[in-house]
Amino acid sequence: MGFLRWGGSADAAASGVTAVDEARANVAAILAVISAVSDASSSEEAAEIVLERVREHFGWVYGSYWRVDPEAKVLRFVTESGAATEEFRNVTLQATFAEGVGLSGRAWRSRDLVFVPDLGALSDCVRAPVAQRVGIRSGVCFPLFEAGNVVGTMDFFSNSASELSGDRKETLRAVGMLVSQSLERIAEAERQAEAALDLSAVNTVLRELAIATTEEDGIRQALDAIRQGFGWQYGSYWKVVDGELRFVQESGSAGEEFRQVTRSASFKEGVGLAGRAWKARDLVFVPDLSALSDCVRAPAAGRAGVKAGVCLPLIVHGRVIGTMDFFSTRAMKLSDSRQAALRNTAQLMSQALQRLGESNRMSSAGTELVASIEEVERNVMKATEVANEAQALTQKANEAVNRLARSSDEIGKVIKVISAIAEQTNLLALNATIEAARAGSAGKGFAVVASEVKDLAQGTGRATDDVTKLIDTIQGDATSVVDVLAAIGSIVDRINETQQMIGGVLTEQAATTRQIVNG
């Protein structure tokens, strides 16, 4: 189909196509675009349908859709429709256009439709030489807007040359306005859907971290929740050990080679994706991991098809203790809201690790405290046993002293009997001496015996006096010992009561501490 369908009324008349036919084609194209964009669920889908419908209704051989890369400030190819030559298609796929450069760049700068009757005449367009060789002649491009800013362009090409009629240009401007409105609507719907997804993912992470009981459990659950909630294929956690990040855990898969390289890698601060996040103390995103020349995972990422990657530092008490990174096997960009959501998950994870670490330290300290209390409790029980033994020994000693006192009393009684006998004997010896003196010489022998008996009686009396004094001393000492033993027994009783009270308190403290430690 020739390029004459671009044309104005004169061209239309020359080809047998009336202005009415052109108007009908314009209206049909508008209606087709309206129908197409109303059903589209993504910006890329809307662009593909519009490219196809407009190209078909106006008879153009090729069309393409471009989006502005805000970081590089260039237009990048997104999708296409039609069948240009392979050479023209390849140069299109590889091209980028800065504002004001080439056909698309001119439409971007002018913020309006731009038509060229001969694309080959654009000296600053990388597609111009190829267009001349393959017979692509005229081209038209119009900008697409979101919130008043140019966000992309659509261009169409024909293998014939002619001017566009004013009606056709207005129709294409209307198409651009419809597509822009559709893109705004879809972008807002995507932002809302992404925000809802982000909120759901953050809530899932929060819920999983709330039930985690150990650091390892918390890390595993957070990795799974973030990876699945935000649509990443692979995630890993790294811990700062001896001045470098070392691999700890992983979630998902991005190929065995990438997994093995990840497991064996380590990163200094500032090196690789993880090291950059460590140094920046903030989220770091790269659209293509294989482009990081200082990352040992970059070559494996290129071979495994790993594209975008993001890394989040985990900060506890103002110090980076580790990082979490996530990777996708498809090209992607992080919106501001998605970055904010990921930062929130990192903050939640940092808080959870701090809580779990403090909980573990408290549990360890509590366990040590319980062990100490139990040891003191055992010592108190031993001391109580010793006190009980001392009390028993004191009782036995008291009983022995009492028996000694009673024995002393009995001995005292016997001494009294002996003293009485000695007194009687002494009296009898005195009487015998008197009688012997009366007998004269006949009683001399009896007088000697009487004298010896008297001496013996007197000696016995003196001995019994000495024994009586000793018995009195023993009884006095025994009484003192009994009093002292009684005092000791009272003290031991009080010690025993105190130790029993301490033992009860320690038992209660140990039970309370166990309850705190065990939750």
Protein backbone atom coordinates (compact mmCIF):
# COMPACT_ATOMS: atom_id res chain seq x y z
CA MET A 1 0.00 0.00 0.00
CA GLY A 2 1.57 3.30 -1.05
CA PHE A 3 2.47 6.34 0.96
CA LEU A 4 -0.29 8.37 -0.73
CA ARG A 5 -2.53 7.70 2.30
CA TRP A 6 -0.35 10.19 4.21
CA GLY A 7 -1.38 12.77 1.77
CA GLY A 8 -3.58 15.81 1.53
CA SER A 9 -6.73 16.25 -0.54
CA ALA A 10 -4.87 16.87 -3.81
CA ASP A 11 -2.93 13.62 -3.45
CA ALA A 12 -6.06 11.82 -2.39
CA ALA A 13 -7.93 13.08 -5.44
CA ALA A 14 -5.09 12.06 -7.74
CA SER A 15 -5.21 8.54 -6.35
CA GLY A 16 -8.96 8.34 -6.39
CA VAL A 17 -9.24 8.71 -2.61
CA THR A 18 -11.62 11.53 -1.69
CA ALA A 19 -11.39 13.80 1.33
CA VAL A 20 -14.41 11.95 2.66
CA ASP A 21 -12.54 8.67 2.41
CA GLU A 22 -9.60 10.19 4.26
CA ALA A 23 -11.91 11.58 6.94
CA ARG A 24 -13.51 8.18 7.32
CA ALA A 25 -10.07 6.57 7.65
CA ASN A 26 -9.11 9.17 10.24
CA VAL A 27 -12.28 8.54 12.26
CA ALA A 28 -11.84 4.78 11.96
CA ALA A 29 -8.27 5.08 13.22
CA ILE A 30 -9.40 7.22 16.16
CA LEU A 31 -12.15 4.76 17.06
CA ALA A 32 -9.74 1.84 16.77
CA VAL A 33 -7.26 3.59 19.04
CA ILE A 34 -9.98 4.42 21.59
CA SER A 35 -11.12 0.81 21.61
CA ALA A 36 -7.57 -0.48 21.87
CA VAL A 37 -6.36 1.73 24.72
CA SER A 38 -9.53 1.23 26.78
CA ASP A 39 -8.80 -2.49 27.08
CA ALA A 40 -5.03 -2.25 27.61
CA SER A 41 -3.72 -3.23 31.05
CA SER A 42 -0.11 -2.09 30.64
CA SER A 43 1.66 0.75 28.88
CA GLU A 44 3.57 -1.67 26.66
CA GLU A 45 0.37 -3.48 25.70
CA ALA A 46 -1.35 -0.17 24.89
CA ALA A 47 1.62 0.93 22.78
CA GLU A 48 1.73 -2.34 20.83
CA ILE A 49 -2.01 -2.21 20.04
CA VAL A 50 -1.93 1.46 19.03
CA LEU A 51 1.11 0.90 16.80
CA GLU A 52 -0.66 -1.96 15.08
CA ARG A 53 -4.02 -0.18 14.64
CA VAL A 54 -2.62 3.15 13.41
CA ARG A 55 -0.17 1.47 11.06
CA GLU A 56 -2.91 -0.73 9.57
CA HIS A 57 -5.46 2.10 9.12
CA PHE A 58 -2.97 4.50 7.50
CA GLY A 59 -1.03 1.90 5.53
CA TRP A 60 2.43 2.44 6.97
CA VAL A 61 5.07 -0.27 6.78
CA TYR A 62 6.69 0.15 10.18
CA GLY A 63 6.11 1.79 13.55
CA SER A 64 7.98 1.91 16.85
CA TYR A 65 7.44 3.08 20.45
CA TRP A 66 10.15 4.79 22.52
CA ARG A 67 10.37 5.70 26.20
CA VAL A 68 12.43 8.43 27.84
CA ASP A 69 15.18 7.09 30.12
CA PRO A 70 15.21 9.83 32.81
CA GLU A 71 18.67 8.88 34.09
CA ALA A 72 20.43 8.72 30.72
CA LYS A 73 18.13 11.44 29.27
CA VAL A 74 17.65 9.57 25.99
CA LEU A 75 14.83 7.83 24.18
CA ARG A 76 15.14 4.03 24.24
CA PHE A 77 13.35 1.53 22.00
CA VAL A 78 10.49 -0.40 23.64
CA THR A 79 8.42 -2.21 21.00
CA GLU A 80 7.57 -2.25 17.28
CA SER A 81 4.94 -3.14 14.70
CA GLY A 82 5.21 -4.00 11.01
CA ALA A 83 7.87 -5.50 8.81
CA ALA A 84 10.70 -3.21 7.82
CA THR A 85 13.89 -4.76 6.50
CA GLU A 86 16.08 -6.60 8.99
CA GLU A 87 18.83 -3.99 8.64
CA PHE A 88 16.46 -1.11 9.44
CA ARG A 89 14.95 -3.07 12.32
CA ASN A 90 18.37 -3.85 13.85
CA VAL A 91 19.54 -0.24 13.74
CA THR A 92 16.25 0.77 15.37
CA LEU A 93 16.63 -1.75 18.19
CA GLN A 94 20.15 -0.53 18.97
CA ALA A 95 19.54 3.20 18.64
CA THR A 96 19.00 5.86 21.30
CA PHE A 97 18.06 9.50 20.75
CA ALA A 98 18.86 12.50 22.88
CA GLU A 99 16.42 15.40 22.97
CA GLY A 100 16.52 17.20 19.60
CA VAL A 101 18.44 14.44 17.80
CA GLY A 102 16.89 12.44 14.96
CA LEU A 103 13.18 12.31 14.15
CA SER A 104 12.15 11.13 17.62
CA GLY A 105 14.45 13.62 19.37
CA ARG A 106 12.93 16.48 17.34
CA ALA A 107 9.39 15.51 18.38
CA TRP A 108 10.61 15.31 22.01
CA ARG A 109 12.11 18.80 21.90
CA SER A 110 9.24 20.44 19.98
CA ARG A 111 6.60 18.67 22.09
CA ASP A 112 4.62 18.34 18.86
CA LEU A 113 4.19 16.17 15.78
CA VAL A 114 7.17 16.20 13.38
CA PHE A 115 6.95 15.00 9.77
CA VAL A 116 9.86 14.48 7.36
CA PRO A 117 9.30 13.57 3.69
CA ASP A 118 12.74 11.95 3.50
CA LEU A 119 14.21 10.29 6.61
CA GLY A 120 17.52 9.82 4.79
CA ALA A 121 17.99 13.58 4.77
CA LEU A 122 18.31 13.77 8.60
CA SER A 123 22.06 13.91 9.04
CA ASP A 124 21.89 13.43 12.86
CA CYS A 125 19.70 10.31 12.69
CA VAL A 126 21.48 6.95 12.95
CA ARG A 127 18.67 5.35 10.97
CA ALA A 128 19.01 7.72 7.99
CA PRO A 129 21.75 5.87 6.04
CA VAL A 130 19.96 2.55 6.41
CA ALA A 131 16.63 4.16 5.44
CA GLN A 132 18.17 5.36 2.16
CA ARG A 133 19.54 1.91 1.40
CA VAL A 134 16.34 -0.03 2.10
CA GLY A 135 13.85 2.42 0.60
CA ILE A 136 12.31 3.89 3.74
CA ARG A 137 11.31 7.43 2.80
CA SER A 138 8.97 9.54 4.82
CA GLY A 139 8.38 9.41 8.54
CA VAL A 140 6.21 10.99 11.20
CA CYS A 141 6.67 11.11 14.98
CA PHE A 142 4.53 12.51 17.79
CA PRO A 143 5.34 12.85 21.51
CA LEU A 144 3.51 11.17 24.40
CA PHE A 145 2.91 12.92 27.70
CA GLU A 146 2.38 12.08 31.37
CA ALA A 147 1.66 14.88 33.84
CA GLY A 148 2.72 17.43 31.24
CA ASN A 149 6.14 15.85 30.62
CA VAL A 150 7.27 14.02 27.48
CA VAL A 151 7.67 10.35 28.46
CA GLY A 152 7.91 8.76 25.02
CA THR A 153 7.31 8.96 21.29
CA MET A 154 5.68 6.94 18.50
CA ASP A 155 7.00 7.01 14.96
CA PHE A 156 5.73 5.56 11.69
CA PHE A 157 7.43 5.11 8.30
CA SER A 158 6.45 4.58 4.68
CA ASN A 159 8.32 3.66 1.52
CA SER A 160 6.69 6.55 -0.37
CA ALA A 161 7.13 10.32 -0.06
CA SER A 162 4.39 12.92 0.21
CA GLU A 163 3.13 15.63 2.53
CA LEU A 164 0.64 14.91 5.30
CA SER A 165 -2.69 16.63 5.10
CA GLY A 166 -3.70 18.92 7.92
CA ASP A 167 -6.53 16.59 8.87
CA ARG A 168 -4.18 13.62 9.03
CA LYS A 169 -1.76 15.56 11.23
CA GLU A 170 -4.59 16.53 13.58
CA THR A 171 -5.73 12.93 13.63
CA LEU A 172 -2.25 11.81 14.63
CA ARG A 173 -2.11 14.51 17.31
CA ALA A 174 -5.43 13.19 18.60
CA VAL A 175 -4.00 9.67 18.59
CA GLY A 176 -1.03 10.97 20.58
CA MET A 177 -3.39 12.63 23.07
CA LEU A 178 -5.47 9.45 23.44
CA VAL A 179 -2.36 7.32 23.92
CA SER A 180 -0.99 9.84 26.43
CA GLN A 181 -4.23 9.77 28.41
CA SER A 182 -4.24 5.99 28.31
CA LEU A 183 -0.62 5.84 29.44
CA GLU A 184 -1.40 8.22 32.30
CA ARG A 185 -4.37 6.09 33.32
CA ILE A 186 -2.36 2.88 33.10
CA ALA A 187 0.61 4.43 34.89
CA GLU A 188 -1.65 5.56 37.74
CA ALA A 189 -3.26 2.11 37.90
CA GLU A 190 0.21 0.53 37.91
CA ARG A 191 1.34 2.90 40.66
CA GLN A 192 -1.69 2.02 42.74
CA ALA A 193 -1.24 -1.69 42.08
CA GLU A 194 2.46 -1.41 42.93
CA ALA A 195 1.66 0.53 46.10
CA ALA A 196 -0.85 -2.14 47.13
CA LEU A 197 1.71 -4.85 46.35
CA ASP A 198 4.38 -2.97 48.29
CA LEU A 199 2.06 -2.55 51.29
CA SER A 200 1.14 -6.23 51.18
CA ALA A 201 4.80 -7.24 50.94
CA VAL A 202 5.81 -4.97 53.83
CA ASN A 203 2.94 -6.31 55.95
CA THR A 204 3.99 -9.88 55.15
CA VAL A 205 7.57 -9.13 56.18
CA LEU A 206 6.33 -7.47 59.37
CA ARG A 207 4.10 -10.44 60.17
CA GLU A 208 6.87 -12.98 59.56
CA LEU A 209 9.39 -11.04 61.63
CA ALA A 210 6.92 -10.69 64.50
CA ILE A 211 6.78 -14.46 64.99
CA ALA A 212 10.51 -15.09 64.49
CA THR A 213 12.24 -16.41 67.61
CA THR A 214 15.87 -16.50 66.43
CA GLU A 215 18.05 -14.36 64.16
CA GLU A 216 18.45 -17.24 61.71
CA ASP A 217 14.68 -17.77 61.59
CA GLY A 218 14.03 -14.04 61.13
CA ILE A 219 16.55 -13.74 58.28
CA ARG A 220 15.16 -16.78 56.48
CA GLN A 221 11.56 -15.59 56.75
CA ALA A 222 12.46 -12.03 55.69
CA LEU A 223 14.42 -13.25 52.65
CA ASP A 224 11.51 -15.41 51.50
CA ALA A 225 8.88 -12.73 52.17
CA ILE A 226 10.76 -9.90 50.41
CA ARG A 227 11.78 -12.06 47.44
CA GLN A 228 8.28 -13.40 46.85
CA GLY A 229 6.42 -10.21 47.77
CA PHE A 230 8.42 -7.95 45.43
CA GLY A 231 8.85 -10.48 42.62
CA TRP A 232 12.59 -11.22 42.76
CA GLN A 233 14.03 -14.58 41.68
CA TYR A 234 16.93 -14.83 44.14
CA GLY A 235 17.95 -13.26 47.43
CA SER A 236 20.85 -13.66 49.84
CA TYR A 237 21.87 -12.42 53.29
CA TRP A 238 25.43 -11.36 54.15
CA LYS A 239 26.93 -10.72 57.57
CA VAL A 240 29.87 -8.46 58.45
CA VAL A 241 32.61 -10.70 59.88
CA ASP A 242 36.21 -9.58 60.41
CA GLY A 243 35.84 -6.52 58.18
CA GLU A 244 34.11 -8.17 55.22
CA LEU A 245 30.67 -9.36 54.14
CA ARG A 246 30.30 -13.15 54.16
CA PHE A 247 27.45 -15.23 52.77
CA VAL A 248 25.01 -16.67 55.35
CA GLN A 249 21.65 -17.60 53.80
CA GLU A 250 19.82 -17.61 50.46
CA SER A 251 16.30 -17.80 49.04
CA GLY A 252 15.09 -18.77 45.57
CA SER A 253 17.30 -19.60 42.59
CA ALA A 254 19.00 -17.85 39.68
CA GLY A 255 20.92 -20.84 38.39
CA GLU A 256 23.46 -23.17 39.99
CA GLU A 257 26.53 -21.28 38.73
CA PHE A 258 25.31 -17.98 40.17
CA ARG A 259 24.46 -19.75 43.42
CA GLN A 260 27.91 -21.33 43.76
CA VAL A 261 29.71 -18.06 43.00
CA THR A 262 27.51 -16.29 45.58
CA ARG A 263 28.21 -18.87 48.28
CA SER A 264 31.99 -18.63 47.84
CA ALA A 265 32.18 -14.83 47.51
CA SER A 266 33.03 -12.16 50.08
CA PHE A 267 32.95 -8.37 49.78
CA LYS A 268 34.93 -5.55 51.32
CA GLU A 269 33.21 -2.26 52.07
CA GLY A 270 32.58 -0.44 48.79
CA VAL A 271 33.22 -3.47 46.57
CA GLY A 272 30.47 -5.10 44.51
CA LEU A 273 26.77 -4.47 44.97
CA ALA A 274 26.73 -5.55 48.63
CA GLY A 275 29.88 -3.57 49.43
CA ARG A 276 28.39 -0.44 47.84
CA ALA A 277 25.26 -0.71 50.00
CA TRP A 278 27.49 -1.21 53.06
CA LYS A 279 29.49 1.91 52.27
CA ALA A 280 26.46 4.03 51.31
CA ARG A 281 24.44 2.79 54.31
CA ASP A 282 21.47 2.95 51.95
CA LEU A 283 19.69 1.03 49.21
CA VAL A 284 21.72 0.51 46.04
CA PHE A 285 20.06 -0.57 42.77
CA VAL A 286 21.74 -1.62 39.53
CA PRO A 287 19.77 -2.33 36.34
CA ASP A 288 22.47 -4.75 35.11
CA LEU A 289 24.60 -6.63 37.65
CA SER A 290 26.95 -7.90 34.94
CA ALA A 291 28.10 -4.31 34.36
CA LEU A 292 29.71 -4.10 37.85
CA SER A 293 33.38 -4.63 37.02
CA ASP A 294 34.44 -5.08 40.68
CA CYS A 295 31.78 -7.69 41.48
CA VAL A 296 32.88 -11.35 41.37
CA ARG A 297 29.30 -12.34 40.61
CA ALA A 298 29.07 -10.14 37.49
CA PRO A 299 30.39 -12.69 34.92
CA ALA A 300 28.17 -15.45 36.33
CA ALA A 301 25.22 -13.03 36.31
CA GLY A 302 25.74 -12.36 32.62
CA ARG A 303 25.84 -16.07 31.81
CA ALA A 304 22.85 -16.89 34.05
CA GLY A 305 20.70 -14.08 32.68
CA VAL A 306 20.58 -12.20 35.99
CA LYS A 307 19.73 -8.58 35.23
CA ALA A 308 18.63 -6.10 37.87
CA GLY A 309 19.81 -6.25 41.47
CA VAL A 310 19.14 -4.33 44.66
CA CYS A 311 20.95 -4.43 48.00
CA LEU A 312 19.76 -3.24 51.41
CA PRO A 313 22.03 -2.58 54.41
CA LEU A 314 20.93 -3.76 57.86
CA ILE A 315 21.88 -1.28 60.58
CA VAL A 316 21.76 -2.06 64.30
CA HIS A 317 22.86 0.49 66.92
CA GLY A 318 24.19 2.71 64.13
CA ARG A 319 26.46 0.02 62.67
CA VAL A 320 26.01 -1.99 59.45
CA ILE A 321 25.87 -5.63 60.55
CA GLY A 322 24.94 -7.16 57.21
CA THR A 323 23.15 -6.76 53.88
CA MET A 324 20.31 -8.37 51.94
CA ASP A 325 20.42 -8.43 48.14
CA PHE A 326 17.80 -9.51 45.59
CA PHE A 327 18.07 -10.21 41.87
CA SER A 328 15.76 -10.51 38.87
CA THR A 329 16.24 -12.37 35.60
CA ARG A 330 14.34 -9.64 33.77
CA ALA A 331 15.15 -6.00 33.14
CA MET A 332 13.38 -3.71 35.57
CA LYS A 333 13.41 -0.28 37.14
CA LEU A 334 12.65 0.63 40.74
CA SER A 335 10.04 3.33 41.26
CA ASP A 336 10.42 5.76 44.14
CA SER A 337 7.57 4.05 45.99
CA ARG A 338 9.14 0.61 45.50
CA GLN A 339 12.48 1.91 46.81
CA ALA A 340 10.71 3.39 49.84
CA ALA A 341 8.96 0.06 50.48
CA LEU A 342 12.24 -1.84 50.27
CA ARG A 343 13.89 0.64 52.64
CA ASN A 344 11.00 0.05 55.06
CA THR A 345 11.57 -3.71 54.92
CA ALA A 346 15.28 -3.18 55.63
CA GLN A 347 14.41 -0.99 58.61
CA LEU A 348 11.94 -3.60 59.88
CA MET A 349 14.58 -6.29 59.45
CA SER A 350 17.18 -4.20 61.30
CA GLN A 351 14.77 -3.62 64.17
CA ALA A 352 13.89 -7.33 64.28
CA LEU A 353 17.56 -8.35 64.37
CA GLN A 354 18.17 -5.85 67.17
CA ARG A 355 15.18 -7.20 69.10
CA LEU A 356 16.17 -10.83 68.54
CA GLY A 357 19.79 -10.11 69.47
CA GLU A 358 18.78 -8.39 72.68
CA SER A 359 16.31 -11.18 73.40
CA ASN A 360 19.03 -13.78 72.90
CA ARG A 361 21.41 -11.86 75.13
CA MET A 362 18.70 -11.53 77.78
CA SER A 363 17.91 -15.22 77.47
CA SER A 364 21.59 -16.11 77.83
CA ALA A 365 21.97 -13.79 80.81
CA GLY A 366 18.78 -15.19 82.31
CA THR A 367 20.02 -18.74 81.87
CA GLU A 368 23.29 -17.82 83.57
CA LEU A 369 21.34 -16.09 86.35
CA VAL A 370 19.17 -19.18 86.86
CA ALA A 371 22.30 -21.32 87.02
CA SER A 372 23.83 -18.94 89.59
CA ILE A 373 20.65 -18.91 91.67
CA GLU A 374 20.46 -22.69 91.55
CA GLU A 375 24.10 -22.92 92.65
CA VAL A 376 23.46 -20.54 95.56
CA GLU A 377 20.33 -22.50 96.35
CA ARG A 378 22.34 -25.71 96.45
CA ASN A 379 24.91 -24.07 98.76
CA VAL A 380 22.12 -22.82 101.03
CA MET A 381 20.69 -26.33 101.18
CA LYS A 382 24.12 -27.69 102.08
CA ALA A 383 24.52 -25.01 104.74
CA THR A 384 21.08 -25.90 106.05
CA GLU A 385 22.12 -29.53 106.26
CA VAL A 386 25.29 -28.49 108.12
CA ALA A 387 23.20 -26.33 110.47
CA ASN A 388 20.86 -29.25 111.09
CA GLU A 389 23.85 -31.47 111.84
CA ALA A 390 25.26 -28.81 114.16
CA GLN A 391 21.91 -28.57 115.88
CA ALA A 392 21.84 -32.35 116.34
CA LEU A 393 25.43 -32.38 117.67
CA THR A 394 24.62 -29.53 120.03
CA GLN A 395 21.65 -31.49 121.32
CA LYS A 396 23.80 -34.57 121.83
CA ALA A 397 26.50 -32.53 123.61
CA ASN A 398 23.84 -30.99 125.82
CA GLU A 399 22.52 -34.43 126.68
CA ALA A 400 26.08 -35.67 127.45
CA VAL A 401 26.75 -32.72 129.74
CA ASN A 402 23.44 -33.32 131.49
CA ARG A 403 24.43 -36.95 132.01
CA LEU A 404 27.79 -35.78 133.37
CA ALA A 405 25.99 -33.47 135.80
CA ARG A 406 23.77 -36.29 136.97
CA SER A 407 26.79 -38.60 137.36
CA SER A 408 28.52 -35.88 139.38
CA ASP A 409 25.47 -35.65 141.63
CA GLU A 410 25.58 -39.41 142.18
CA ILE A 411 29.31 -39.30 142.90
CA GLY A 412 28.61 -36.44 145.34
CA LYS A 413 26.12 -38.62 147.16
CA VAL A 414 28.66 -41.47 147.40
CA ILE A 415 31.29 -39.00 148.67
CA LYS A 416 28.89 -37.86 151.34
CA VAL A 417 28.43 -41.47 152.48
CA ILE A 418 32.21 -42.00 152.48
CA SER A 419 32.68 -38.75 154.44
CA ALA A 420 30.16 -39.87 156.99
CA ILE A 421 31.88 -43.23 157.31
CA ALA A 422 35.28 -41.50 157.65
CA GLU A 423 33.90 -39.29 160.41
CA GLN A 424 32.47 -42.31 162.24
CA THR A 425 35.73 -44.18 161.74
CA ASN A 426 37.70 -41.26 163.08
CA LEU A 427 35.40 -41.06 166.07
CA LEU A 428 35.77 -44.80 166.70
CA ALA A 429 39.57 -44.51 166.41
CA LEU A 430 39.54 -41.74 169.00
CA ASN A 431 37.48 -43.84 171.36
CA ALA A 432 39.82 -46.79 170.77
CA THR A 433 42.82 -44.63 171.61
CA ILE A 434 41.21 -43.52 174.85
CA GLU A 435 40.42 -47.07 175.80
CA ALA A 436 43.96 -48.20 174.91
CA ALA A 437 45.40 -45.53 177.19
CA ARG A 438 43.25 -46.79 180.05
CA ALA A 439 44.49 -50.31 179.43
CA GLY A 440 48.06 -49.25 179.86
CA SER A 441 50.75 -51.44 178.50
CA ALA A 442 48.25 -54.06 177.56
CA GLY A 443 46.57 -51.71 175.11
CA LYS A 444 49.66 -50.36 173.35
CA GLY A 445 49.26 -52.53 170.26
CA PHE A 446 45.62 -51.62 169.99
CA ALA A 447 46.58 -47.96 170.39
CA VAL A 448 48.92 -48.18 167.37
CA VAL A 449 46.12 -49.67 165.24
CA ALA A 450 43.67 -47.10 166.50
CA SER A 451 46.13 -44.33 165.60
CA GLU A 452 46.56 -45.71 162.05
CA VAL A 453 42.80 -46.05 161.63
CA LYS A 454 42.42 -42.46 162.80
CA ASP A 455 45.08 -41.29 160.29
CA LEU A 456 43.35 -43.25 157.53
CA ALA A 457 39.99 -41.79 158.44
CA GLN A 458 41.40 -38.30 158.47
CA GLY A 459 43.11 -38.92 155.07
CA THR A 460 39.82 -40.25 153.70
CA GLY A 461 38.08 -37.15 154.97
CA ARG A 462 40.58 -34.89 153.30
CA ALA A 463 40.29 -36.86 150.03
CA THR A 464 36.52 -36.69 150.08
CA ASP A 465 36.75 -32.94 150.66
CA ASP A 466 39.00 -32.61 147.60
CA VAL A 467 36.65 -34.81 145.49
CA THR A 468 33.69 -32.78 146.65
CA LYS A 469 35.39 -29.58 145.57
CA LEU A 470 36.18 -31.15 142.13
CA ILE A 471 32.61 -32.34 141.79
CA ASP A 472 31.36 -28.86 142.62
CA THR A 473 33.71 -27.44 139.96
CA ILE A 474 32.57 -30.05 137.38
CA GLN A 475 28.94 -29.32 138.13
CA GLY A 476 29.55 -25.57 137.79
CA ASP A 477 31.34 -26.10 134.44
CA ALA A 478 28.62 -28.47 133.27
CA THR A 479 26.00 -25.85 134.04
CA SER A 480 28.02 -23.26 132.06
CA VAL A 481 28.38 -25.70 129.15
CA VAL A 482 24.66 -26.38 129.18
CA ASP A 483 23.95 -22.65 129.07
CA VAL A 484 26.45 -22.13 126.22
CA LEU A 485 25.06 -25.13 124.28
CA ALA A 486 21.58 -23.76 124.74
CA ALA A 487 22.71 -20.40 123.32
CA ILE A 488 24.45 -22.15 120.43
CA GLY A 489 21.33 -24.21 119.74
CA SER A 490 19.25 -21.04 119.66
CA ILE A 491 21.67 -19.40 117.20
CA VAL A 492 21.72 -22.53 115.02
CA ASP A 493 17.91 -22.49 115.03
CA ARG A 494 17.89 -18.88 113.85
CA ILE A 495 20.54 -19.63 111.19
CA ASN A 496 18.47 -22.58 110.00
CA GLU A 497 15.33 -20.47 109.82
CA THR A 498 17.18 -17.75 107.85
CA GLN A 499 18.63 -20.27 105.42
CA GLN A 500 15.24 -21.84 104.87
CA MET A 501 13.79 -18.41 104.13
CA ILE A 502 16.69 -17.63 101.73
CA GLY A 503 16.21 -21.02 100.07
CA GLY A 504 12.50 -20.27 99.53
CA VAL A 505 13.28 -16.85 98.03
CA LEU A 506 15.94 -18.33 95.74
CA THR A 507 13.55 -21.04 94.57
CA GLU A 508 10.94 -18.39 93.76
CA GLN A 509 13.54 -16.22 91.96
CA ALA A 510 14.75 -19.17 89.92
CA ALA A 511 11.18 -20.02 88.89
CA THR A 512 10.44 -16.39 87.96
CA THR A 513 13.66 -16.08 85.95
CA ARG A 514 12.93 -19.34 84.09
CA GLN A 515 9.47 -18.04 83.24
CA ILE A 516 10.96 -14.79 81.88
CA VAL A 517 13.64 -16.63 79.87
CA ASN A 518 11.19 -19.18 78.46
CA GLY A 519 8.61 -16.55 77.69
